[in-house]
PDB file of N, CA and C in Angstrom:
ATOM      1  N   MET A   1     125.432 109.845   2.902  1.00  0.00           N
ATOM      2  CA  MET A   1     124.760 110.472   1.801  1.00  0.00           C
ATOM      3  C   MET A   1     125.645 110.537   0.541  1.00  0.00           C
ATOM      4  N   ALA A   2     126.901 110.775   0.681  1.00  0.00           N
ATOM      5  CA  ALA A   2     127.766 110.975  -0.497  1.00  0.00           C
ATOM      6  C   ALA A   2     127.793 109.711  -1.346  1.00  0.00           C
ATOM      7  N   GLN A   3     127.497 108.547  -0.797  1.00  0.00           N
ATOM      8  CA  GLN A   3     127.512 107.296  -1.574  1.00  0.00           C
ATOM      9  C   GLN A   3     126.222 107.152  -2.354  1.00  0.00           C
ATOM     10  N   ARG A   4     125.064 107.651  -1.849  1.00  0.00           N
ATOM     11  CA  ARG A   4     123.769 107.485  -2.538  1.00  0.00           C
ATOM     12  C   ARG A   4     123.010 108.808  -2.482  1.00  0.00           C
ATOM     13  N   PRO A   5     123.481 109.835  -3.086  1.00  0.00           N
ATOM     14  CA  PRO A   5     122.778 111.130  -3.029  1.00  0.00           C
ATOM     15  C   PRO A   5     121.349 111.063  -3.611  1.00  0.00           C
ATOM     16  N   ASP A   6     121.160 110.142  -4.590  1.00  0.00           N
ATOM     17  CA  ASP A   6     119.851 110.007  -5.185  1.00  0.00           C
ATOM     18  C   ASP A   6     118.788 109.476  -4.206  1.00  0.00           C
ATOM     19  N   ALA A   7     119.208 108.889  -3.129  1.00  0.00           N
ATOM     20  CA  ALA A   7     118.318 108.322  -2.139  1.00  0.00           C
ATOM     21  C   ALA A   7     117.834 109.370  -1.119  1.00  0.00           C
ATOM     22  N   VAL A   8     118.481 110.538  -1.099  1.00  0.00           N
ATOM     23  CA  VAL A   8     118.183 111.555  -0.057  1.00  0.00           C
ATOM     24  C   VAL A   8     116.719 112.091  -0.218  1.00  0.00           C
ATOM     25  N   PRO A   9     116.200 112.473  -1.386  1.00  0.00           N
ATOM     26  CA  PRO A   9     114.805 112.925  -1.398  1.00  0.00           C
ATOM     27  C   PRO A   9     113.834 111.949  -0.803  1.00  0.00           C
ATOM     28  N   ALA A  10     114.003 110.652  -1.109  1.00  0.00           N
ATOM     29  CA  ALA A  10     113.084 109.663  -0.510  1.00  0.00           C
ATOM     30  C   ALA A  10     113.241 109.619   1.018  1.00  0.00           C
ATOM     31  N   MET A  11     114.481 109.727   1.502  1.00  0.00           N
ATOM     32  CA  MET A  11     114.689 109.698   2.936  1.00  0.00           C
ATOM     33  C   MET A  11     114.003 110.932   3.599  1.00  0.00           C
ATOM     34  N   ILE A  12     114.105 112.109   2.950  1.00  0.00           N
ATOM     35  CA  ILE A  12     113.458 113.302   3.468  1.00  0.00           C
ATOM     36  C   ILE A  12     111.985 113.085   3.558  1.00  0.00           C
ATOM     37  N   ARG A  13     111.359 112.501   2.489  1.00  0.00           N
ATOM     38  CA  ARG A  13     109.946 112.228   2.535  1.00  0.00           C
ATOM     39  C   ARG A  13     109.532 111.198   3.584  1.00  0.00           C
ATOM     40  N   LYS A  14     110.362 110.203   3.711  1.00  0.00           N
ATOM     41  CA  LYS A  14     110.088 109.108   4.739  1.00  0.00           C
ATOM     42  C   LYS A  14     110.111 109.706   6.155  1.00  0.00           C
ATOM     43  N   MET A  15     111.049 110.653   6.420  1.00  0.00           N
ATOM     44  CA  MET A  15     111.174 111.185   7.721  1.00  0.00           C
ATOM     45  C   MET A  15     110.566 112.569   7.868  1.00  0.00           C
ATOM     46  N   ALA A  16     109.561 112.871   7.033  1.00  0.00           N
ATOM     47  CA  ALA A  16     108.989 114.210   6.934  1.00  0.00           C
ATOM     48  C   ALA A  16     108.564 114.759   8.274  1.00  0.00           C
ATOM     49  N   ALA A  17     108.049 113.999   9.143  1.00  0.00           N
ATOM     50  CA  ALA A  17     107.584 114.533  10.466  1.00  0.00           C
ATOM     51  C   ALA A  17     108.765 115.021  11.306  1.00  0.00           C
ATOM     52  N   ARG A  18     109.964 114.558  10.982  1.00  0.00           N
ATOM     53  CA  ARG A  18     111.127 114.916  11.826  1.00  0.00           C
ATOM     54  C   ARG A  18     112.074 115.932  11.103  1.00  0.00           C
ATOM     55  N   VAL A  19     111.813 116.221   9.841  1.00  0.00           N
ATOM     56  CA  VAL A  19     112.748 117.079   9.069  1.00  0.00           C
ATOM     57  C   VAL A  19     112.164 118.500   8.930  1.00  0.00           C
ATOM     58  N   ARG A  20     112.765 119.411   9.669  1.00  0.00           N
ATOM     59  CA  ARG A  20     112.334 120.832   9.614  1.00  0.00           C
ATOM     60  C   ARG A  20     113.492 121.724   9.100  1.00  0.00           C
ATOM     61  N   LEU A  21     114.694 121.209   9.006  1.00  0.00           N
ATOM     62  CA  LEU A  21     115.864 121.948   8.592  1.00  0.00           C
ATOM     63  C   LEU A  21     116.603 121.166   7.505  1.00  0.00           C
ATOM     64  N   LEU A  22     117.030 121.786   6.466  1.00  0.00           N
ATOM     65  CA  LEU A  22     117.903 121.129   5.489  1.00  0.00           C
ATOM     66  C   LEU A  22     119.217 121.853   5.449  1.00  0.00           C
ATOM     67  N   HIS A  23     120.250 121.074   5.607  1.00  0.00           N
ATOM     68  CA  HIS A  23     121.681 121.524   5.590  1.00  0.00           C
ATOM     69  C   HIS A  23     122.198 121.195   4.198  1.00  0.00           C
ATOM     70  N   LEU A  24     122.413 122.200   3.355  1.00  0.00           N
ATOM     71  CA  LEU A  24     122.725 121.964   1.955  1.00  0.00           C
ATOM     72  C   LEU A  24     124.262 122.135   1.721  1.00  0.00           C
ATOM     73  N   LYS A  25     124.803 121.109   1.140  1.00  0.00           N
ATOM     74  CA  LYS A  25     126.205 121.088   0.689  1.00  0.00           C
ATOM     75  C   LYS A  25     126.238 120.475  -0.689  1.00  0.00           C
ATOM     76  N   ASP A  26     127.280 120.720  -1.435  1.00  0.00           N
ATOM     77  CA  ASP A  26     127.418 120.080  -2.770  1.00  0.00           C
ATOM     78  C   ASP A  26     128.786 119.526  -2.919  1.00  0.00           C
ATOM     79  N   TYR A  27     128.909 118.470  -3.722  1.00  0.00           N
ATOM     80  CA  TYR A  27     130.112 117.749  -3.879  1.00  0.00           C
ATOM     81  C   TYR A  27     130.453 117.606  -5.365  1.00  0.00           C
ATOM     82  N   ARG A  28     131.765 117.715  -5.675  1.00  0.00           N
ATOM     83  CA  ARG A  28     132.238 117.424  -7.027  1.00  0.00           C
ATOM     84  C   ARG A  28     132.296 115.915  -7.221  1.00  0.00           C
ATOM     85  N   ALA A  29     132.468 115.476  -8.469  1.00  0.00           N
ATOM     86  CA  ALA A  29     132.531 114.059  -8.771  1.00  0.00           C
ATOM     87  C   ALA A  29     133.715 113.397  -8.047  1.00  0.00           C
ATOM     88  N   ASP A  30     134.788 114.124  -7.738  1.00  0.00           N
ATOM     89  CA  ASP A  30     135.927 113.524  -7.046  1.00  0.00           C
ATOM     90  C   ASP A  30     135.737 113.488  -5.534  1.00  0.00           C
ATOM     91  N   GLY A  31     134.576 113.932  -5.026  1.00  0.00           N
ATOM     92  CA  GLY A  31     134.274 113.889  -3.617  1.00  0.00           C
ATOM     93  C   GLY A  31     134.584 115.153  -2.875  1.00  0.00           C
ATOM     94  N   GLY A  32     135.252 116.111  -3.490  1.00  0.00           N
ATOM     95  CA  GLY A  32     135.553 117.420  -2.875  1.00  0.00           C
ATOM     96  C   GLY A  32     134.305 118.252  -2.805  1.00  0.00           C
ATOM     97  N   MET A  33     134.331 119.224  -1.964  1.00  0.00           N
ATOM     98  CA  MET A  33     133.179 120.125  -1.824  1.00  0.00           C
ATOM     99  C   MET A  33     133.211 121.190  -2.870  1.00  0.00           C
ATOM    100  N   ASP A  34     131.958 121.672  -3.225  1.00  0.00           N
ATOM    101  CA  ASP A  34     131.814 122.716  -4.169  1.00  0.00           C
ATOM    102  C   ASP A  34     130.675 123.660  -3.715  1.00  0.00           C
ATOM    103  N   ASN A  35     130.500 124.799  -4.399  1.00  0.00           N
ATOM    104  CA  ASN A  35     129.351 125.664  -4.094  1.00  0.00           C
ATOM    105  C   ASN A  35     128.053 124.899  -4.414  1.00  0.00           C
ATOM    106  N   VAL A  36     126.982 125.203  -3.684  1.00  0.00           N
ATOM    107  CA  VAL A  36     125.714 124.588  -3.952  1.00  0.00           C
ATOM    108  C   VAL A  36     125.313 124.916  -5.421  1.00  0.00           C
ATOM    109  N   GLY A  37     124.963 123.862  -6.121  1.00  0.00           N
ATOM    110  CA  GLY A  37     124.599 124.021  -7.510  1.00  0.00           C
ATOM    111  C   GLY A  37     125.743 123.786  -8.500  1.00  0.00           C
ATOM    112  N   ALA A  38     126.952 123.816  -8.049  1.00  0.00           N
ATOM    113  CA  ALA A  38     128.120 123.636  -8.928  1.00  0.00           C
ATOM    114  C   ALA A  38     128.624 122.253  -8.956  1.00  0.00           C
ATOM    115  N   GLY A  39     128.073 121.362  -8.086  1.00  0.00           N
ATOM    116  CA  GLY A  39     128.555 119.997  -7.987  1.00  0.00           C
ATOM    117  C   GLY A  39     127.595 119.026  -8.590  1.00  0.00           C
ATOM    118  N   THR A  40     127.470 117.846  -7.945  1.00  0.00           N
ATOM    119  CA  THR A  40     126.774 116.740  -8.530  1.00  0.00           C
ATOM    120  C   THR A  40     125.355 116.460  -7.926  1.00  0.00           C
ATOM    121  N   LEU A  41     124.996 117.129  -6.883  1.00  0.00           N
ATOM    122  CA  LEU A  41     123.705 116.834  -6.182  1.00  0.00           C
ATOM    123  C   LEU A  41     122.546 117.453  -6.952  1.00  0.00           C
ATOM    124  N   ASP A  42     121.395 116.760  -6.898  1.00  0.00           N
ATOM    125  CA  ASP A  42     120.178 117.241  -7.580  1.00  0.00           C
ATOM    126  C   ASP A  42     119.375 118.057  -6.603  1.00  0.00           C
ATOM    127  N   PHE A  43     119.703 119.364  -6.550  1.00  0.00           N
ATOM    128  CA  PHE A  43     119.018 120.261  -5.607  1.00  0.00           C
ATOM    129  C   PHE A  43     117.557 120.441  -5.935  1.00  0.00           C
ATOM    130  N   PRO A  44     117.131 120.527  -7.138  1.00  0.00           N
ATOM    131  CA  PRO A  44     115.664 120.660  -7.371  1.00  0.00           C
ATOM    132  C   PRO A  44     114.913 119.491  -6.722  1.00  0.00           C
ATOM    133  N   ALA A  45     115.407 118.276  -6.810  1.00  0.00           N
ATOM    134  CA  ALA A  45     114.783 117.112  -6.174  1.00  0.00           C
ATOM    135  C   ALA A  45     114.812 117.186  -4.647  1.00  0.00           C
ATOM    136  N   LEU A  46     116.024 117.551  -4.119  1.00  0.00           N
ATOM    137  CA  LEU A  46     116.177 117.725  -2.689  1.00  0.00           C
ATOM    138  C   LEU A  46     115.242 118.809  -2.133  1.00  0.00           C
ATOM    139  N   LEU A  47     115.162 119.908  -2.764  1.00  0.00           N
ATOM    140  CA  LEU A  47     114.356 121.005  -2.267  1.00  0.00           C
ATOM    141  C   LEU A  47     112.896 120.693  -2.409  1.00  0.00           C
ATOM    142  N   ALA A  48     112.475 120.013  -3.500  1.00  0.00           N
ATOM    143  CA  ALA A  48     111.101 119.633  -3.692  1.00  0.00           C
ATOM    144  C   ALA A  48     110.645 118.674  -2.575  1.00  0.00           C
ATOM    145  N   ALA A  49     111.523 117.717  -2.205  1.00  0.00           N
ATOM    146  CA  ALA A  49     111.255 116.819  -1.122  1.00  0.00           C
ATOM    147  C   ALA A  49     111.116 117.595   0.202  1.00  0.00           C
ATOM    148  N   GLY A  50     111.973 118.618   0.347  1.00  0.00           N
ATOM    149  CA  GLY A  50     111.858 119.424   1.566  1.00  0.00           C
ATOM    150  C   GLY A  50     110.560 120.172   1.678  1.00  0.00           C
ATOM    151  N   VAL A  51     110.100 120.734   0.551  1.00  0.00           N
ATOM    152  CA  VAL A  51     108.775 121.427   0.540  1.00  0.00           C
ATOM    153  C   VAL A  51     107.663 120.467   0.896  1.00  0.00           C
ATOM    154  N   GLU A  52     107.715 119.287   0.291  1.00  0.00           N
ATOM    155  CA  GLU A  52     106.676 118.225   0.606  1.00  0.00           C
ATOM    156  C   GLU A  52     106.703 117.872   2.104  1.00  0.00           C
ATOM    157  N   ALA A  53     107.945 117.880   2.711  1.00  0.00           N
ATOM    158  CA  ALA A  53     108.076 117.440   4.115  1.00  0.00           C
ATOM    159  C   ALA A  53     107.747 118.595   5.091  1.00  0.00           C
ATOM    160  N   GLY A  54     107.595 119.836   4.544  1.00  0.00           N
ATOM    161  CA  GLY A  54     107.320 120.939   5.435  1.00  0.00           C
ATOM    162  C   GLY A  54     108.577 121.593   6.044  1.00  0.00           C
ATOM    163  N   VAL A  55     109.699 121.469   5.368  1.00  0.00           N
ATOM    164  CA  VAL A  55     110.923 122.049   5.878  1.00  0.00           C
ATOM    165  C   VAL A  55     110.731 123.556   6.074  1.00  0.00           C
ATOM    166  N   GLU A  56     111.221 124.045   7.151  1.00  0.00           N
ATOM    167  CA  GLU A  56     111.040 125.432   7.511  1.00  0.00           C
ATOM    168  C   GLU A  56     112.255 126.322   7.218  1.00  0.00           C
ATOM    169  N   HIS A  57     113.463 125.735   7.240  1.00  0.00           N
ATOM    170  CA  HIS A  57     114.669 126.507   7.033  1.00  0.00           C
ATOM    171  C   HIS A  57     115.664 125.664   6.279  1.00  0.00           C
ATOM    172  N   ARG A  58     116.472 126.408   5.487  1.00  0.00           N
ATOM    173  CA  ARG A  58     117.566 125.761   4.679  1.00  0.00           C
ATOM    174  C   ARG A  58     118.854 126.496   5.000  1.00  0.00           C
ATOM    175  N   PHE A  59     119.931 125.723   5.181  1.00  0.00           N
ATOM    176  CA  PHE A  59     121.259 126.321   5.478  1.00  0.00           C
ATOM    177  C   PHE A  59     122.223 125.847   4.433  1.00  0.00           C
ATOM    178  N   VAL A  60     123.112 126.773   3.980  1.00  0.00           N
ATOM    179  CA  VAL A  60     124.137 126.432   3.015  1.00  0.00           C
ATOM    180  C   VAL A  60     125.460 126.413   3.735  1.00  0.00           C
ATOM    181  N   GLU A  61     126.239 125.395   3.445  1.00  0.00           N
ATOM    182  CA  GLU A  61     127.572 125.279   4.016  1.00  0.00           C
ATOM    183  C   GLU A  61     128.539 124.790   2.989  1.00  0.00           C
ATOM    184  N   HIS A  62     129.764 125.252   3.072  1.00  0.00           N
ATOM    185  CA  HIS A  62     130.920 124.835   2.274  1.00  0.00           C
ATOM    186  C   HIS A  62     132.041 124.657   3.221  1.00  0.00           C
ATOM    187  N   ASP A  63     132.426 123.445   3.513  1.00  0.00           N
ATOM    188  CA  ASP A  63     133.458 123.182   4.516  1.00  0.00           C
ATOM    189  C   ASP A  63     134.824 123.805   4.212  1.00  0.00           C
ATOM    190  N   PHE A  64     135.179 123.898   2.947  1.00  0.00           N
ATOM    191  CA  PHE A  64     136.460 124.427   2.587  1.00  0.00           C
ATOM    192  C   PHE A  64     136.344 125.460   1.459  1.00  0.00           C
ATOM    193  N   PRO A  65     135.630 126.578   1.693  1.00  0.00           N
ATOM    194  CA  PRO A  65     135.510 127.552   0.656  1.00  0.00           C
ATOM    195  C   PRO A  65     136.820 128.275   0.362  1.00  0.00           C
ATOM    196  N   PRO A  66     137.036 128.698  -0.864  1.00  0.00           N
ATOM    197  CA  PRO A  66     138.223 129.450  -1.126  1.00  0.00           C
ATOM    198  C   PRO A  66     138.087 130.815  -0.514  1.00  0.00           C
ATOM    199  N   GLU A  67     139.232 131.446  -0.195  1.00  0.00           N
ATOM    200  CA  GLU A  67     139.240 132.803   0.313  1.00  0.00           C
ATOM    201  C   GLU A  67     139.289 133.779  -0.853  1.00  0.00           C
ATOM    202  N   PRO A  68     138.582 134.847  -0.814  1.00  0.00           N
ATOM    203  CA  PRO A  68     137.591 135.289   0.188  1.00  0.00           C
ATOM    204  C   PRO A  68     136.340 134.415   0.123  1.00  0.00           C
ATOM    205  N   TYR A  69     135.649 134.317   1.251  1.00  0.00           N
ATOM    206  CA  TYR A  69     134.494 133.432   1.376  1.00  0.00           C
ATOM    207  C   TYR A  69     133.219 133.863   0.713  1.00  0.00           C
ATOM    208  N   TRP A  70     132.994 135.203   0.675  1.00  0.00           N
ATOM    209  CA  TRP A  70     131.703 135.670   0.200  1.00  0.00           C
ATOM    210  C   TRP A  70     131.374 135.306  -1.253  1.00  0.00           C
ATOM    211  N   PRO A  71     132.272 135.293  -2.205  1.00  0.00           N
ATOM    212  CA  PRO A  71     131.908 134.816  -3.524  1.00  0.00           C
ATOM    213  C   PRO A  71     131.287 133.396  -3.536  1.00  0.00           C
ATOM    214  N   SER A  72     131.777 132.499  -2.636  1.00  0.00           N
ATOM    215  CA  SER A  72     131.196 131.195  -2.530  1.00  0.00           C
ATOM    216  C   SER A  72     129.754 131.251  -2.040  1.00  0.00           C
ATOM    217  N   VAL A  73     129.554 132.061  -0.984  1.00  0.00           N
ATOM    218  CA  VAL A  73     128.191 132.225  -0.463  1.00  0.00           C
ATOM    219  C   VAL A  73     127.269 132.808  -1.498  1.00  0.00           C
ATOM    220  N   GLU A  74     127.736 133.835  -2.187  1.00  0.00           N
ATOM    221  CA  GLU A  74     126.944 134.489  -3.220  1.00  0.00           C
ATOM    222  C   GLU A  74     126.583 133.555  -4.361  1.00  0.00           C
ATOM    223  N   ALA A  75     127.544 132.721  -4.794  1.00  0.00           N
ATOM    224  CA  ALA A  75     127.285 131.737  -5.876  1.00  0.00           C
ATOM    225  C   ALA A  75     126.228 130.757  -5.472  1.00  0.00           C
ATOM    226  N   SER A  76     126.335 130.245  -4.258  1.00  0.00           N
ATOM    227  CA  SER A  76     125.318 129.276  -3.763  1.00  0.00           C
ATOM    228  C   SER A  76     123.932 129.907  -3.662  1.00  0.00           C
ATOM    229  N   LEU A  77     123.872 131.134  -3.157  1.00  0.00           N
ATOM    230  CA  LEU A  77     122.596 131.879  -3.064  1.00  0.00           C
ATOM    231  C   LEU A  77     122.003 132.150  -4.409  1.00  0.00           C
ATOM    232  N   ARG A  78     122.857 132.603  -5.330  1.00  0.00           N
ATOM    233  CA  ARG A  78     122.418 132.919  -6.684  1.00  0.00           C
ATOM    234  C   ARG A  78     121.779 131.651  -7.339  1.00  0.00           C
ATOM    235  N   TYR A  79     122.481 130.506  -7.129  1.00  0.00           N
ATOM    236  CA  TYR A  79     121.939 129.273  -7.739  1.00  0.00           C
ATOM    237  C   TYR A  79     120.599 128.950  -7.129  1.00  0.00           C
ATOM    238  N   LEU A  80     120.449 128.994  -5.811  1.00  0.00           N
ATOM    239  CA  LEU A  80     119.224 128.592  -5.132  1.00  0.00           C
ATOM    240  C   LEU A  80     118.091 129.561  -5.513  1.00  0.00           C
ATOM    241  N   ARG A  81     118.392 130.860  -5.564  1.00  0.00           N
ATOM    242  CA  ARG A  81     117.347 131.843  -5.999  1.00  0.00           C
ATOM    243  C   ARG A  81     116.889 131.586  -7.450  1.00  0.00           C
ATOM    244  N   GLY A  82     117.816 131.128  -8.290  1.00  0.00           N
ATOM    245  CA  GLY A  82     117.454 130.803  -9.665  1.00  0.00           C
ATOM    246  C   GLY A  82     116.565 129.649  -9.815  1.00  0.00           C
ATOM    247  N   LEU A  83     116.476 128.842  -8.834  1.00  0.00           N
ATOM    248  CA  LEU A  83     115.581 127.709  -8.857  1.00  0.00           C
ATOM    249  C   LEU A  83     114.113 128.113  -8.661  1.00  0.00           C
ATOM    250  N   GLY A  84     113.939 129.262  -8.106  1.00  0.00           N
ATOM    251  CA  GLY A  84     112.560 129.805  -7.918  1.00  0.00           C
ATOM    252  C   GLY A  84     112.031 129.590  -6.583  1.00  0.00           C
TER     253      GLY A  84
END
């Protein structure tokens, strides 16, 4: 996915019958991880594809969050809630 993130919404739509969970991560331009919404991925497009596919649950992950961890979780949640 990191090589073609723009292809992910189409893949979600194509596999809609099999996609019930979305695992959300975000990446900086250099390939490192970032909080959801702070990196390069198009989350409005990804989440819209998930809604169309009937996704039931979304999970946020950051493989290498800075310590303390909660500010990273809160930043990702704040971004996602801001999308509506």
